[in-house]
Amino acid sequence: FTEADIRNTYDLLRQYRGIHEADSLFQYHYAYSPDGKKLVDFVGRFEQISDDFNHIMNHIGIDEELPHRNSTSHRDYRTYYTPETAALIRDLYAIDVDTFGYTFDQRE
């Protein structure tokens, strides 16, 4: 993708940000009611899916392991962004970034 492709996609998505039907673009709307009430006890993160799955199983008292299929290797999500594209995502998905504690600071 070029920077122009990213900018065009950002501009397109930004148009839908205020449309009620576009709520599904944001993770926030799956975990919080329209009046801001938290609807879930725990939000797991894909970046630490094994640990979060184990946390949930322990919490509900089930001894189960998460099956591991289609193994792939991905870098930390932050490494995929330039400072410019990180700023665009931070702006577009501010409600998710703020609510779920995402950061774009590069890990060392």
N, C-alpha and C. Protein backbone atom coordinates (compact mmCIF):
# COMPACT_ATOMS: atom_id res chain seq x y z
N PHE A 1 0.83 -1.19 0.00
CA PHE A 1 0.00 0.00 0.00
C PHE A 1 0.87 1.24 0.00
N THR A 2 0.38 2.24 -0.67
CA THR A 2 1.09 3.51 -0.67
C THR A 2 0.48 4.41 0.39
N GLU A 3 1.16 5.46 0.71
CA GLU A 3 0.63 6.44 1.66
C GLU A 3 -0.69 7.01 1.14
N ALA A 4 -0.80 7.21 -0.17
CA ALA A 4 -2.04 7.72 -0.77
C ALA A 4 -3.19 6.73 -0.58
N ASP A 5 -2.91 5.43 -0.73
CA ASP A 5 -3.94 4.41 -0.51
C ASP A 5 -4.44 4.46 0.93
N ILE A 6 -3.52 4.58 1.84
CA ILE A 6 -3.87 4.64 3.26
C ILE A 6 -4.69 5.90 3.54
N ARG A 7 -4.27 7.01 3.00
CA ARG A 7 -5.00 8.28 3.21
C ARG A 7 -6.41 8.19 2.62
N ASN A 8 -6.56 7.62 1.43
CA ASN A 8 -7.88 7.49 0.81
C ASN A 8 -8.80 6.58 1.63
N THR A 9 -8.26 5.49 2.14
CA THR A 9 -9.05 4.59 2.98
C THR A 9 -9.46 5.29 4.26
N TYR A 10 -8.52 6.01 4.86
CA TYR A 10 -8.82 6.78 6.07
C TYR A 10 -9.95 7.77 5.82
N ASP A 11 -9.86 8.53 4.74
CA ASP A 11 -10.88 9.53 4.42
C ASP A 11 -12.25 8.87 4.23
N LEU A 12 -12.27 7.72 3.58
CA LEU A 12 -13.53 7.00 3.37
C LEU A 12 -14.11 6.53 4.69
N LEU A 13 -13.30 5.89 5.52
CA LEU A 13 -13.78 5.38 6.81
C LEU A 13 -14.22 6.51 7.73
N ARG A 14 -13.52 7.63 7.68
CA ARG A 14 -13.85 8.76 8.56
C ARG A 14 -15.24 9.29 8.27
N GLN A 15 -15.69 9.19 7.03
CA GLN A 15 -17.04 9.64 6.67
C GLN A 15 -18.11 8.87 7.42
N TYR A 16 -17.84 7.61 7.71
CA TYR A 16 -18.84 6.74 8.34
C TYR A 16 -18.80 6.77 9.86
N ARG A 17 -17.84 7.45 10.42
CA ARG A 17 -17.64 7.41 11.87
C ARG A 17 -18.87 7.88 12.65
N GLY A 18 -19.59 8.84 12.15
CA GLY A 18 -20.75 9.36 12.88
C GLY A 18 -22.06 8.69 12.54
N ILE A 19 -22.06 7.69 11.69
CA ILE A 19 -23.29 7.02 11.27
C ILE A 19 -23.57 5.86 12.20
N HIS A 20 -24.79 5.82 12.76
CA HIS A 20 -25.15 4.79 13.74
C HIS A 20 -24.90 3.39 13.20
N GLU A 21 -25.21 3.14 11.94
CA GLU A 21 -25.04 1.81 11.37
C GLU A 21 -23.56 1.41 11.29
N ALA A 22 -22.68 2.37 11.40
CA ALA A 22 -21.25 2.08 11.32
C ALA A 22 -20.66 1.72 12.69
N ASP A 23 -21.51 1.64 13.71
CA ASP A 23 -21.02 1.31 15.05
C ASP A 23 -20.22 0.01 15.07
N SER A 24 -20.55 -0.92 14.18
CA SER A 24 -19.85 -2.20 14.17
C SER A 24 -18.40 -2.07 13.76
N LEU A 25 -17.99 -0.88 13.29
CA LEU A 25 -16.59 -0.65 12.97
C LEU A 25 -15.74 -0.56 14.23
N PHE A 26 -16.38 -0.35 15.37
CA PHE A 26 -15.65 -0.10 16.60
C PHE A 26 -15.90 -1.22 17.61
N GLN A 27 -14.83 -1.72 18.21
CA GLN A 27 -14.95 -2.77 19.23
C GLN A 27 -15.75 -2.29 20.43
N TYR A 28 -15.65 -1.01 20.74
CA TYR A 28 -16.35 -0.42 21.88
C TYR A 28 -17.82 -0.80 21.89
N HIS A 29 -18.46 -0.77 20.74
CA HIS A 29 -19.90 -1.00 20.66
C HIS A 29 -20.30 -2.45 20.89
N TYR A 30 -19.34 -3.35 20.94
CA TYR A 30 -19.63 -4.73 21.28
C TYR A 30 -19.53 -4.95 22.79
N ALA A 31 -18.87 -4.07 23.51
CA ALA A 31 -18.63 -4.25 24.93
C ALA A 31 -19.37 -3.25 25.81
N TYR A 32 -19.92 -2.18 25.21
CA TYR A 32 -20.60 -1.13 25.97
C TYR A 32 -21.96 -0.82 25.35
N SER A 33 -22.93 -0.50 26.20
CA SER A 33 -24.26 -0.13 25.72
C SER A 33 -24.22 1.29 25.15
N PRO A 34 -25.29 1.68 24.45
CA PRO A 34 -25.32 3.05 23.89
C PRO A 34 -25.16 4.15 24.95
N ASP A 35 -25.56 3.86 26.20
CA ASP A 35 -25.40 4.87 27.26
C ASP A 35 -24.09 4.72 28.02
N GLY A 36 -23.16 3.88 27.50
CA GLY A 36 -21.83 3.77 28.08
C GLY A 36 -21.66 2.75 29.18
N LYS A 37 -22.68 1.92 29.43
CA LYS A 37 -22.59 0.90 30.47
C LYS A 37 -21.81 -0.30 29.94
N LYS A 38 -20.83 -0.75 30.71
CA LYS A 38 -20.03 -1.91 30.32
C LYS A 38 -20.91 -3.16 30.36
N LEU A 39 -20.90 -3.92 29.27
CA LEU A 39 -21.77 -5.09 29.12
C LEU A 39 -21.07 -6.40 29.40
N VAL A 40 -19.78 -6.39 29.59
CA VAL A 40 -19.00 -7.61 29.77
C VAL A 40 -18.13 -7.49 31.01
N ASP A 41 -17.74 -8.64 31.56
CA ASP A 41 -16.86 -8.65 32.73
C ASP A 41 -15.39 -8.56 32.35
N PHE A 42 -15.08 -9.04 31.16
CA PHE A 42 -13.68 -9.14 30.77
C PHE A 42 -13.56 -9.00 29.27
N VAL A 43 -12.55 -8.29 28.82
CA VAL A 43 -12.27 -8.16 27.40
C VAL A 43 -10.88 -8.74 27.16
N GLY A 44 -10.84 -9.84 26.43
CA GLY A 44 -9.57 -10.45 26.09
C GLY A 44 -8.96 -9.77 24.88
N ARG A 45 -7.68 -9.98 24.73
CA ARG A 45 -6.97 -9.39 23.60
C ARG A 45 -6.36 -10.49 22.75
N PHE A 46 -6.51 -10.36 21.45
CA PHE A 46 -5.95 -11.35 20.55
C PHE A 46 -4.44 -11.44 20.72
N GLU A 47 -3.80 -10.33 21.03
CA GLU A 47 -2.35 -10.30 21.18
C GLU A 47 -1.87 -11.21 22.32
N GLN A 48 -2.76 -11.57 23.22
CA GLN A 48 -2.41 -12.47 24.33
C GLN A 48 -3.53 -13.49 24.54
N ILE A 49 -3.97 -14.06 23.43
CA ILE A 49 -5.16 -14.93 23.43
C ILE A 49 -5.01 -16.14 24.35
N SER A 50 -3.86 -16.75 24.40
CA SER A 50 -3.68 -17.94 25.26
C SER A 50 -3.85 -17.58 26.72
N ASP A 51 -3.19 -16.52 27.16
CA ASP A 51 -3.29 -16.10 28.56
C ASP A 51 -4.72 -15.68 28.90
N ASP A 52 -5.36 -14.95 28.02
CA ASP A 52 -6.72 -14.48 28.30
C ASP A 52 -7.72 -15.64 28.29
N PHE A 53 -7.54 -16.60 27.39
CA PHE A 53 -8.39 -17.79 27.38
C PHE A 53 -8.24 -18.54 28.71
N ASN A 54 -7.01 -18.72 29.16
CA ASN A 54 -6.78 -19.40 30.44
C ASN A 54 -7.41 -18.63 31.59
N HIS A 55 -7.33 -17.33 31.57
CA HIS A 55 -7.95 -16.49 32.60
C HIS A 55 -9.46 -16.74 32.65
N ILE A 56 -10.09 -16.77 31.50
CA ILE A 56 -11.54 -16.99 31.43
C ILE A 56 -11.89 -18.39 31.92
N MET A 57 -11.15 -19.39 31.48
CA MET A 57 -11.43 -20.77 31.91
C MET A 57 -11.29 -20.91 33.42
N ASN A 58 -10.24 -20.30 33.99
CA ASN A 58 -10.07 -20.34 35.44
C ASN A 58 -11.22 -19.63 36.15
N HIS A 59 -11.65 -18.52 35.61
CA HIS A 59 -12.72 -17.72 36.22
C HIS A 59 -14.04 -18.49 36.26
N ILE A 60 -14.34 -19.24 35.21
CA ILE A 60 -15.61 -19.97 35.18
C ILE A 60 -15.47 -21.42 35.63
N GLY A 61 -14.25 -21.81 36.01
CA GLY A 61 -14.04 -23.13 36.58
C GLY A 61 -14.05 -24.28 35.59
N ILE A 62 -13.56 -24.03 34.41
CA ILE A 62 -13.49 -25.09 33.40
C ILE A 62 -12.03 -25.39 33.11
N ASP A 63 -11.70 -26.67 33.09
CA ASP A 63 -10.34 -27.10 32.78
C ASP A 63 -10.27 -27.44 31.30
N GLU A 64 -9.93 -26.49 30.49
CA GLU A 64 -9.92 -26.67 29.04
C GLU A 64 -8.73 -25.90 28.47
N GLU A 65 -8.18 -26.44 27.39
CA GLU A 65 -7.08 -25.75 26.71
C GLU A 65 -7.55 -25.23 25.37
N LEU A 66 -7.01 -24.12 24.96
CA LEU A 66 -7.34 -23.53 23.66
C LEU A 66 -6.63 -24.32 22.56
N PRO A 67 -7.39 -24.87 21.62
CA PRO A 67 -6.74 -25.60 20.52
C PRO A 67 -5.88 -24.65 19.70
N HIS A 68 -4.80 -25.17 19.17
CA HIS A 68 -3.89 -24.35 18.36
C HIS A 68 -3.91 -24.88 16.93
N ARG A 69 -4.50 -24.09 16.04
CA ARG A 69 -4.61 -24.50 14.64
C ARG A 69 -4.10 -23.38 13.75
N ASN A 70 -3.67 -23.74 12.56
CA ASN A 70 -3.24 -22.76 11.56
C ASN A 70 -2.22 -21.77 12.14
N SER A 71 -1.17 -22.30 12.67
CA SER A 71 -0.15 -21.47 13.30
C SER A 71 0.51 -20.54 12.29
N THR A 72 0.55 -19.28 12.64
CA THR A 72 1.25 -18.28 11.85
C THR A 72 2.09 -17.43 12.78
N SER A 73 3.00 -16.73 12.20
CA SER A 73 3.86 -15.87 12.99
C SER A 73 3.67 -14.42 12.55
N HIS A 74 3.29 -13.58 13.49
CA HIS A 74 3.09 -12.17 13.19
C HIS A 74 3.94 -11.33 14.13
N ARG A 75 4.38 -10.22 13.62
CA ARG A 75 5.09 -9.27 14.46
C ARG A 75 4.08 -8.55 15.37
N ASP A 76 4.58 -7.87 16.35
CA ASP A 76 3.76 -7.01 17.19
C ASP A 76 3.01 -6.02 16.30
N TYR A 77 1.73 -5.81 16.55
CA TYR A 77 0.91 -4.97 15.67
C TYR A 77 1.49 -3.57 15.48
N ARG A 78 2.19 -3.06 16.46
CA ARG A 78 2.73 -1.69 16.37
C ARG A 78 3.80 -1.54 15.30
N THR A 79 4.44 -2.65 14.96
CA THR A 79 5.52 -2.57 13.97
C THR A 79 5.01 -2.39 12.55
N TYR A 80 3.70 -2.58 12.35
CA TYR A 80 3.13 -2.44 11.01
C TYR A 80 2.81 -0.99 10.65
N TYR A 81 2.92 -0.08 11.61
CA TYR A 81 2.53 1.31 11.40
C TYR A 81 3.72 2.24 11.34
N THR A 82 3.63 3.21 10.45
CA THR A 82 4.58 4.32 10.47
C THR A 82 4.02 5.33 11.46
N PRO A 83 4.78 6.32 11.88
CA PRO A 83 4.20 7.34 12.76
C PRO A 83 2.97 8.02 12.14
N GLU A 84 2.98 8.20 10.83
CA GLU A 84 1.85 8.85 10.17
C GLU A 84 0.61 7.96 10.16
N THR A 85 0.77 6.67 9.82
CA THR A 85 -0.40 5.80 9.79
C THR A 85 -0.90 5.51 11.20
N ALA A 86 -0.01 5.45 12.17
CA ALA A 86 -0.44 5.28 13.56
C ALA A 86 -1.30 6.46 14.00
N ALA A 87 -0.94 7.67 13.60
CA ALA A 87 -1.73 8.85 13.95
C ALA A 87 -3.12 8.79 13.31
N LEU A 88 -3.20 8.29 12.08
CA LEU A 88 -4.49 8.16 11.41
C LEU A 88 -5.38 7.16 12.14
N ILE A 89 -4.82 6.01 12.49
CA ILE A 89 -5.59 4.99 13.20
C ILE A 89 -5.98 5.48 14.59
N ARG A 90 -5.07 6.15 15.27
CA ARG A 90 -5.36 6.71 16.58
C ARG A 90 -6.56 7.66 16.51
N ASP A 91 -6.62 8.46 15.45
CA ASP A 91 -7.72 9.41 15.28
C ASP A 91 -9.02 8.68 14.92
N LEU A 92 -8.95 7.81 13.94
CA LEU A 92 -10.15 7.14 13.44
C LEU A 92 -10.77 6.22 14.49
N TYR A 93 -9.96 5.50 15.21
CA TYR A 93 -10.44 4.53 16.20
C TYR A 93 -10.17 4.99 17.63
N ALA A 94 -10.25 6.27 17.87
CA ALA A 94 -9.93 6.83 19.19
C ALA A 94 -10.72 6.16 20.31
N ILE A 95 -12.00 5.88 20.08
CA ILE A 95 -12.82 5.27 21.13
C ILE A 95 -12.27 3.89 21.52
N ASP A 96 -11.82 3.12 20.56
CA ASP A 96 -11.25 1.80 20.87
C ASP A 96 -9.85 1.92 21.46
N VAL A 97 -9.05 2.79 20.91
CA VAL A 97 -7.68 2.99 21.41
C VAL A 97 -7.73 3.40 22.87
N ASP A 98 -8.59 4.36 23.19
CA ASP A 98 -8.69 4.85 24.57
C ASP A 98 -9.32 3.82 25.50
N THR A 99 -10.41 3.20 25.07
CA THR A 99 -11.14 2.26 25.93
C THR A 99 -10.33 1.02 26.25
N PHE A 100 -9.65 0.49 25.25
CA PHE A 100 -8.98 -0.79 25.43
C PHE A 100 -7.47 -0.68 25.61
N GLY A 101 -6.96 0.54 25.70
CA GLY A 101 -5.56 0.75 26.05
C GLY A 101 -4.57 0.39 24.97
N TYR A 102 -4.97 0.51 23.72
CA TYR A 102 -4.00 0.27 22.65
C TYR A 102 -3.00 1.42 22.61
N THR A 103 -1.82 1.11 22.17
CA THR A 103 -0.78 2.12 22.05
C THR A 103 -0.01 1.86 20.76
N PHE A 104 0.59 2.88 20.24
CA PHE A 104 1.37 2.72 19.02
C PHE A 104 2.84 3.00 19.25
N ASP A 105 3.23 3.13 20.51
CA ASP A 105 4.63 3.28 20.84
C ASP A 105 5.33 1.99 20.46
N GLN A 106 6.44 2.10 19.78
CA GLN A 106 7.17 0.92 19.34
C GLN A 106 7.77 0.19 20.53
N ARG A 107 7.63 -1.12 20.53
CA ARG A 107 8.26 -1.94 21.57
C ARG A 107 9.71 -2.13 21.23
N GLU A 108 10.51 -2.22 22.24
CA GLU A 108 11.93 -2.45 22.01
C GLU A 108 12.28 -3.90 22.20
